[in-house]
Structures are given as C-alpha cells and as structure tokens.
Amino acid sequence: MNEDHDNLVSVYLGTDITAKVLKEYLSEMEIPSVLKSERNSSIDRTGDCEVYIAEHDVEKAKSMIAEFKQKNP
C-alpha cells in the first residue's frame, strides 16, 4: 500500500485479537491493511485496535467487512 497516494479509512474498531483476524481475512483478499492499537498499558493485552485500508479498497472489502462485524460485534 502506497500511503503517499492512498487515503486510509478506518473500517473496524475492536480488540487486538479480532482486528488481527480481520487483517488476515483482508490479506487473503489481497487487500493491504494497517492496525493501530490503543493499549492503556503493557499489562493490558486486549486494548482497542483499529483496522485501516486504502480508500480505493473499501468497495472491494465492503461485504466481507460487514459479515465480519456481524459475527464479531
């Protein structure tokens, strides 16, 4: 993903674990993604994590992300 030319869009916010699973699903669809974790401390291993993808990939990933969100609220 060329971040200089692609606007990144947040497509998911959840735990680190579920965000990593979504990242793997996106990778299988050949959609690069970036994770941004918001851990409160080194002890907290399950903080919130956002998944970002390039704006031009949103339409391609839309149905898979919607299904993932339904299974992982």
N, C-alpha and C. Protein backbone atom coordinates (compact mmCIF):
# COMPACT_ATOMS: atom_id res chain seq x y z
N MET A 1 0.87 -1.17 0.00
CA MET A 1 0.00 0.00 0.00
C MET A 1 0.91 1.23 0.00
N ASN A 2 0.71 2.08 -0.95
CA ASN A 2 1.50 3.30 -1.03
C ASN A 2 0.76 4.40 -0.28
N GLU A 3 1.15 4.63 0.97
CA GLU A 3 0.43 5.55 1.84
C GLU A 3 0.53 7.00 1.37
N ASP A 4 1.51 7.31 0.50
CA ASP A 4 1.62 8.67 0.00
C ASP A 4 0.47 9.01 -0.96
N HIS A 5 -0.09 7.99 -1.60
CA HIS A 5 -1.12 8.22 -2.60
C HIS A 5 -2.50 7.73 -2.18
N ASP A 6 -2.58 6.93 -1.15
CA ASP A 6 -3.85 6.34 -0.72
C ASP A 6 -4.33 6.98 0.57
N ASN A 7 -5.59 7.38 0.58
CA ASN A 7 -6.19 7.84 1.83
C ASN A 7 -6.61 6.60 2.60
N LEU A 8 -6.21 6.51 3.85
CA LEU A 8 -6.58 5.37 4.68
C LEU A 8 -7.90 5.64 5.36
N VAL A 9 -8.73 4.60 5.43
CA VAL A 9 -10.06 4.68 6.01
C VAL A 9 -10.16 3.64 7.11
N SER A 10 -10.66 4.04 8.27
CA SER A 10 -10.89 3.10 9.36
C SER A 10 -12.13 2.28 9.03
N VAL A 11 -11.98 0.95 9.04
CA VAL A 11 -13.09 0.06 8.70
C VAL A 11 -13.54 -0.82 9.85
N TYR A 12 -12.77 -0.81 10.95
CA TYR A 12 -13.13 -1.67 12.08
C TYR A 12 -12.45 -1.17 13.35
N LEU A 13 -13.17 -1.27 14.46
CA LEU A 13 -12.62 -0.98 15.78
C LEU A 13 -13.05 -2.11 16.69
N GLY A 14 -12.10 -2.79 17.30
CA GLY A 14 -12.39 -3.91 18.19
C GLY A 14 -11.16 -4.25 19.00
N THR A 15 -11.14 -5.46 19.53
CA THR A 15 -9.98 -5.89 20.31
C THR A 15 -8.80 -6.16 19.37
N ASP A 16 -7.61 -6.18 19.93
CA ASP A 16 -6.42 -6.51 19.15
C ASP A 16 -6.59 -7.84 18.43
N ILE A 17 -7.16 -8.81 19.13
CA ILE A 17 -7.31 -10.16 18.58
C ILE A 17 -8.22 -10.16 17.35
N THR A 18 -9.41 -9.56 17.48
CA THR A 18 -10.33 -9.58 16.34
C THR A 18 -9.81 -8.72 15.19
N ALA A 19 -9.14 -7.64 15.50
CA ALA A 19 -8.55 -6.79 14.46
C ALA A 19 -7.50 -7.56 13.67
N LYS A 20 -6.70 -8.37 14.35
CA LYS A 20 -5.68 -9.17 13.66
C LYS A 20 -6.32 -10.23 12.78
N VAL A 21 -7.43 -10.80 13.23
CA VAL A 21 -8.16 -11.78 12.41
C VAL A 21 -8.68 -11.11 11.15
N LEU A 22 -9.27 -9.93 11.29
CA LEU A 22 -9.77 -9.20 10.13
C LEU A 22 -8.62 -8.87 9.18
N LYS A 23 -7.49 -8.47 9.72
CA LYS A 23 -6.32 -8.16 8.89
C LYS A 23 -5.93 -9.38 8.04
N GLU A 24 -5.99 -10.56 8.64
CA GLU A 24 -5.68 -11.80 7.90
C GLU A 24 -6.70 -12.04 6.79
N TYR A 25 -7.99 -11.86 7.07
CA TYR A 25 -9.03 -12.02 6.06
C TYR A 25 -8.80 -11.05 4.90
N LEU A 26 -8.50 -9.80 5.23
CA LEU A 26 -8.23 -8.81 4.19
C LEU A 26 -7.02 -9.20 3.36
N SER A 27 -6.00 -9.70 4.01
CA SER A 27 -4.80 -10.14 3.31
C SER A 27 -5.11 -11.26 2.32
N GLU A 28 -5.99 -12.19 2.72
CA GLU A 28 -6.40 -13.28 1.84
C GLU A 28 -7.11 -12.74 0.60
N MET A 29 -7.75 -11.58 0.72
CA MET A 29 -8.43 -10.93 -0.41
C MET A 29 -7.48 -9.99 -1.15
N GLU A 30 -6.20 -10.02 -0.78
CA GLU A 30 -5.16 -9.17 -1.34
C GLU A 30 -5.45 -7.68 -1.14
N ILE A 31 -5.97 -7.38 0.08
CA ILE A 31 -6.22 -6.01 0.48
C ILE A 31 -5.29 -5.68 1.64
N PRO A 32 -4.28 -4.85 1.41
CA PRO A 32 -3.37 -4.48 2.49
C PRO A 32 -4.11 -3.67 3.56
N SER A 33 -3.69 -3.85 4.80
CA SER A 33 -4.31 -3.11 5.90
C SER A 33 -3.26 -2.72 6.92
N VAL A 34 -3.64 -1.75 7.76
CA VAL A 34 -2.76 -1.24 8.81
C VAL A 34 -3.54 -1.30 10.12
N LEU A 35 -2.89 -1.74 11.18
CA LEU A 35 -3.50 -1.78 12.51
C LEU A 35 -2.96 -0.65 13.36
N LYS A 36 -3.84 -0.03 14.13
CA LYS A 36 -3.42 0.99 15.10
C LYS A 36 -4.00 0.59 16.44
N SER A 37 -3.12 0.22 17.36
CA SER A 37 -3.54 -0.27 18.66
C SER A 37 -3.53 0.85 19.70
N GLU A 38 -4.52 0.80 20.59
CA GLU A 38 -4.66 1.79 21.66
C GLU A 38 -4.58 1.11 23.03
N ARG A 39 -3.46 0.52 23.34
CA ARG A 39 -3.30 -0.15 24.64
C ARG A 39 -3.07 0.87 25.72
N ASN A 40 -3.68 0.64 26.87
CA ASN A 40 -3.52 1.54 28.01
C ASN A 40 -2.24 1.28 28.79
N SER A 41 -1.73 0.06 28.73
CA SER A 41 -0.51 -0.27 29.45
C SER A 41 0.09 -1.53 28.85
N SER A 42 1.28 -1.87 29.28
CA SER A 42 1.91 -3.10 28.79
C SER A 42 1.23 -4.34 29.36
N ILE A 43 0.47 -4.18 30.42
CA ILE A 43 -0.24 -5.31 31.03
C ILE A 43 -1.52 -5.62 30.26
N ASP A 44 -2.18 -4.60 29.74
CA ASP A 44 -3.43 -4.76 29.00
C ASP A 44 -3.14 -5.27 27.60
N ARG A 45 -3.41 -6.53 27.36
CA ARG A 45 -3.12 -7.16 26.07
C ARG A 45 -4.33 -7.17 25.14
N THR A 46 -5.45 -6.64 25.57
CA THR A 46 -6.65 -6.70 24.74
C THR A 46 -7.26 -5.31 24.54
N GLY A 47 -6.43 -4.33 24.30
CA GLY A 47 -6.93 -2.97 24.10
C GLY A 47 -7.64 -2.82 22.76
N ASP A 48 -8.21 -1.66 22.54
CA ASP A 48 -8.87 -1.38 21.28
C ASP A 48 -7.85 -1.27 20.16
N CYS A 49 -8.28 -1.70 18.99
CA CYS A 49 -7.41 -1.67 17.82
C CYS A 49 -8.26 -1.33 16.60
N GLU A 50 -7.77 -0.41 15.77
CA GLU A 50 -8.46 -0.03 14.55
C GLU A 50 -7.77 -0.65 13.34
N VAL A 51 -8.58 -1.02 12.36
CA VAL A 51 -8.07 -1.54 11.09
C VAL A 51 -8.33 -0.48 10.02
N TYR A 52 -7.29 -0.14 9.29
CA TYR A 52 -7.38 0.84 8.21
C TYR A 52 -7.04 0.16 6.89
N ILE A 53 -7.77 0.54 5.83
CA ILE A 53 -7.44 0.11 4.48
C ILE A 53 -7.47 1.33 3.56
N ALA A 54 -6.89 1.17 2.38
CA ALA A 54 -6.90 2.26 1.41
C ALA A 54 -8.33 2.53 0.96
N GLU A 55 -8.63 3.79 0.77
CA GLU A 55 -9.97 4.21 0.37
C GLU A 55 -10.44 3.48 -0.88
N HIS A 56 -9.54 3.25 -1.83
CA HIS A 56 -9.94 2.60 -3.09
C HIS A 56 -10.25 1.11 -2.90
N ASP A 57 -9.91 0.51 -1.75
CA ASP A 57 -10.21 -0.90 -1.48
C ASP A 57 -11.50 -1.09 -0.69
N VAL A 58 -12.11 -0.02 -0.23
CA VAL A 58 -13.29 -0.12 0.64
C VAL A 58 -14.42 -0.87 -0.06
N GLU A 59 -14.72 -0.52 -1.29
CA GLU A 59 -15.83 -1.16 -2.01
C GLU A 59 -15.57 -2.66 -2.18
N LYS A 60 -14.34 -3.02 -2.50
CA LYS A 60 -13.96 -4.42 -2.68
C LYS A 60 -14.15 -5.22 -1.39
N ALA A 61 -13.87 -4.60 -0.25
CA ALA A 61 -13.91 -5.29 1.04
C ALA A 61 -15.23 -5.15 1.78
N LYS A 62 -16.12 -4.32 1.28
CA LYS A 62 -17.34 -3.93 2.00
C LYS A 62 -18.17 -5.10 2.52
N SER A 63 -18.51 -6.06 1.68
CA SER A 63 -19.38 -7.16 2.12
C SER A 63 -18.68 -8.07 3.13
N MET A 64 -17.39 -8.33 2.93
CA MET A 64 -16.65 -9.18 3.86
C MET A 64 -16.53 -8.51 5.22
N ILE A 65 -16.28 -7.20 5.23
CA ILE A 65 -16.17 -6.47 6.50
C ILE A 65 -17.52 -6.45 7.21
N ALA A 66 -18.60 -6.25 6.48
CA ALA A 66 -19.94 -6.23 7.09
C ALA A 66 -20.25 -7.59 7.73
N GLU A 67 -19.92 -8.67 7.05
CA GLU A 67 -20.13 -10.01 7.59
C GLU A 67 -19.27 -10.23 8.84
N PHE A 68 -18.02 -9.77 8.79
CA PHE A 68 -17.11 -9.91 9.92
C PHE A 68 -17.63 -9.15 11.12
N LYS A 69 -18.12 -7.92 10.91
CA LYS A 69 -18.65 -7.10 12.00
C LYS A 69 -19.89 -7.74 12.62
N GLN A 70 -20.70 -8.38 11.80
CA GLN A 70 -21.90 -9.04 12.31
C GLN A 70 -21.54 -10.22 13.21
N LYS A 71 -20.49 -10.94 12.86
CA LYS A 71 -20.05 -12.09 13.65
C LYS A 71 -19.20 -11.69 14.85
N ASN A 72 -18.61 -10.49 14.79
CA ASN A 72 -17.70 -10.01 15.83
C ASN A 72 -18.09 -8.59 16.26
N PRO A 73 -19.23 -8.46 16.94
CA PRO A 73 -19.71 -7.12 17.31
C PRO A 73 -18.80 -6.40 18.31
